[in-house]
Amino acid sequence: MEIAKDTVVSMHYTLTDDAGKVLDSSDGREPLNYLHGAGNIIPGLEGALVGKKEGDSLKVTVPPAEGYGEVNEELIQKVDRSAFQGVEKVEVGMAFEAKNPDGSAYAITIREINGDQITIDANHALAGVTLHFDVSVEGVREATAEELSHGHVHG
């Protein structure tokens, strides 16, 4: 069976950046299972998998626009240290969950600390990064009605 919309794909992968640094991998874990066509993985990788079958291996380079997007400078802001009330020690690299006025959550990362001015970044950690995937397709099957209605793989 070929990978197409509404199939469940099981795959092993290794994700690296341009320098070859491993950013993520399923090595030593269960394969990643996802519902194809439901937006469960980044568009550039999902598109490259169309038509592949169990046993296929491929290398895919995904530009930022088809991955986690370009860096949006508007999502990088300077805030006063008082925004972190109750946090004993704020350090570069720390990640926090912030809330929008509507109550929805988003992640921020501390990028720089200059006295009481803290630079936060709400871009995805991989925004602006070209992604390199080494993928092996472990299985492809039809999705169940329940998986289709929920938009993700079960079990």
Protein backbone atom coordinates (compact mmCIF):
# COMPACT_ATOMS: atom_id res chain seq x y z
CA MET A 1 0.00 0.00 0.00
CA GLU A 2 1.29 3.47 -0.88
CA ILE A 3 1.29 6.45 1.44
CA ALA A 4 -1.66 8.68 0.59
CA LYS A 5 -4.26 10.79 2.37
CA ASP A 6 -6.01 8.90 5.18
CA THR A 7 -3.33 6.23 5.59
CA VAL A 8 -1.49 5.54 8.81
CA VAL A 9 2.26 5.65 8.36
CA SER A 10 4.81 4.08 10.68
CA MET A 11 8.36 5.35 10.20
CA HIS A 12 11.76 5.61 11.78
CA TYR A 13 13.61 8.85 11.26
CA THR A 14 16.68 10.87 12.14
CA LEU A 15 16.47 14.65 11.91
CA THR A 16 19.65 16.72 11.50
CA ASP A 17 20.47 20.35 10.80
CA ASP A 18 22.81 21.72 8.10
CA ALA A 19 25.83 20.97 10.29
CA GLY A 20 24.79 17.33 10.68
CA LYS A 21 23.85 17.72 14.35
CA VAL A 22 21.12 15.25 15.33
CA LEU A 23 18.08 17.23 16.49
CA ASP A 24 15.71 14.29 16.98
CA SER A 25 15.54 10.61 16.20
CA SER A 26 13.33 7.58 16.73
CA ASP A 27 16.49 5.45 17.14
CA GLY A 28 16.03 3.13 20.10
CA ARG A 29 12.31 3.94 20.32
CA GLU A 30 9.13 2.80 18.66
CA PRO A 31 8.56 4.16 15.14
CA LEU A 32 6.61 7.39 14.77
CA ASN A 33 3.02 6.74 13.67
CA TYR A 34 0.97 9.49 12.07
CA LEU A 35 -2.20 10.00 10.02
CA HIS A 36 -1.16 11.17 6.56
CA GLY A 37 -2.98 14.26 5.32
CA ALA A 38 -4.12 15.39 8.76
CA GLY A 39 -1.33 17.91 9.33
CA ASN A 40 0.31 15.77 12.02
CA ILE A 41 3.84 16.30 10.64
CA ILE A 42 5.50 19.20 8.83
CA PRO A 43 4.30 19.76 5.25
CA GLY A 44 7.70 19.31 3.57
CA LEU A 45 8.19 15.84 5.03
CA GLU A 46 4.59 14.79 4.51
CA GLY A 47 4.72 15.77 0.83
CA ALA A 48 7.94 13.82 0.26
CA LEU A 49 6.37 10.66 1.67
CA VAL A 50 3.42 10.53 -0.77
CA GLY A 51 3.60 7.37 -2.86
CA LYS A 52 6.23 5.65 -0.69
CA LYS A 53 5.65 2.10 0.57
CA GLU A 54 6.73 -0.11 3.45
CA GLY A 55 10.45 -0.80 3.11
CA ASP A 56 11.24 2.45 1.31
CA SER A 57 14.00 4.71 2.63
CA LEU A 58 14.55 8.31 1.70
CA LYS A 59 16.47 11.44 2.56
CA VAL A 60 14.46 14.65 2.58
CA THR A 61 15.67 18.24 2.90
CA VAL A 62 12.93 20.55 4.15
CA PRO A 63 13.40 24.33 3.86
CA PRO A 64 12.06 26.49 6.71
CA ALA A 65 8.98 27.53 4.73
CA GLU A 66 7.88 23.87 4.55
CA GLY A 67 8.99 23.09 8.10
CA TYR A 68 8.55 25.35 11.12
CA GLY A 69 8.58 28.60 9.18
CA GLU A 70 11.02 31.47 8.97
CA VAL A 71 11.99 33.39 12.08
CA ASN A 72 9.33 36.04 12.74
CA GLU A 73 11.11 39.04 14.30
CA GLU A 74 7.78 40.23 15.75
CA LEU A 75 7.82 37.18 18.03
CA ILE A 76 11.10 38.34 19.63
CA GLN A 77 10.51 40.94 22.33
CA LYS A 78 12.17 42.58 25.28
CA VAL A 79 10.23 42.39 28.53
CA ASP A 80 10.94 43.54 32.04
CA ARG A 81 12.18 40.98 34.57
CA SER A 82 8.96 41.64 36.53
CA ALA A 83 7.15 39.55 33.91
CA PHE A 84 8.77 36.52 35.57
CA GLN A 85 7.46 37.10 39.09
CA GLY A 86 7.77 33.98 41.20
CA VAL A 87 10.59 32.56 39.12
CA GLU A 88 13.67 32.39 41.33
CA LYS A 89 16.31 32.34 38.61
CA VAL A 90 15.84 33.27 34.96
CA GLU A 91 18.54 31.96 32.60
CA VAL A 92 19.19 32.03 28.86
CA GLY A 93 17.70 28.94 27.20
CA MET A 94 14.91 28.45 29.72
CA ALA A 95 11.48 27.77 28.21
CA PHE A 96 8.17 28.91 29.62
CA GLU A 97 4.52 28.62 28.68
CA ALA A 98 2.76 31.95 28.22
CA LYS A 99 -0.91 32.67 27.60
CA ASN A 100 -2.59 34.79 24.94
CA PRO A 101 -5.46 37.09 25.98
CA ASP A 102 -7.87 34.38 24.76
CA GLY A 103 -6.28 31.87 27.16
CA SER A 104 -4.48 29.79 24.53
CA ALA A 105 -0.93 28.78 25.43
CA TYR A 106 2.32 29.28 23.52
CA ALA A 107 5.95 28.57 24.31
CA ILE A 108 8.62 31.24 24.82
CA THR A 109 12.36 30.84 25.24
CA ILE A 110 14.73 33.21 27.03
CA ARG A 111 17.28 34.41 24.43
CA GLU A 112 19.15 37.16 26.27
CA ILE A 113 19.31 38.83 29.67
CA ASN A 114 20.60 42.36 29.99
CA GLY A 115 20.02 43.66 33.52
CA ASP A 116 16.25 43.84 34.02
CA GLN A 117 15.57 43.52 30.29
CA ILE A 118 14.90 39.96 29.14
CA THR A 119 14.65 39.05 25.46
CA ILE A 120 12.04 36.37 24.83
CA ASP A 121 11.40 34.46 21.62
CA ALA A 122 8.04 32.88 20.78
CA ASN A 123 9.23 31.36 17.48
CA HIS A 124 9.37 27.57 17.27
CA ALA A 125 12.86 26.38 18.25
CA LEU A 126 13.37 25.10 14.68
CA ALA A 127 12.05 28.21 12.90
CA GLY A 128 14.49 29.30 10.22
CA VAL A 129 16.28 25.94 10.23
CA THR A 130 16.67 23.76 7.14
CA LEU A 131 15.79 20.23 8.25
CA HIS A 132 17.35 17.03 6.95
CA PHE A 133 15.40 13.81 7.47
CA ASP A 134 16.65 10.27 6.96
CA VAL A 135 13.47 8.18 6.93
CA SER A 136 12.60 4.49 6.66
CA VAL A 137 8.96 3.56 6.14
CA GLU A 138 8.12 0.70 8.48
CA GLY A 139 4.46 0.28 7.59
CA VAL A 140 1.43 1.76 5.82
CA ARG A 141 -2.20 0.89 6.47
CA GLU A 142 -5.67 2.32 6.00
CA ALA A 143 -6.82 4.53 8.86
CA THR A 144 -9.81 3.42 10.90
CA ALA A 145 -13.02 5.47 10.90
CA GLU A 146 -12.26 6.50 14.49
CA GLU A 147 -8.75 7.70 13.59
CA LEU A 148 -10.15 9.70 10.66
CA SER A 149 -12.83 11.32 12.84
CA HIS A 150 -10.29 12.22 15.53
CA GLY A 151 -7.54 13.32 13.11
CA HIS A 152 -4.78 11.20 14.66
CA VAL A 153 -3.56 7.63 15.07
CA HIS A 154 -4.84 5.46 17.90
CA GLY A 155 -2.90 2.64 19.51
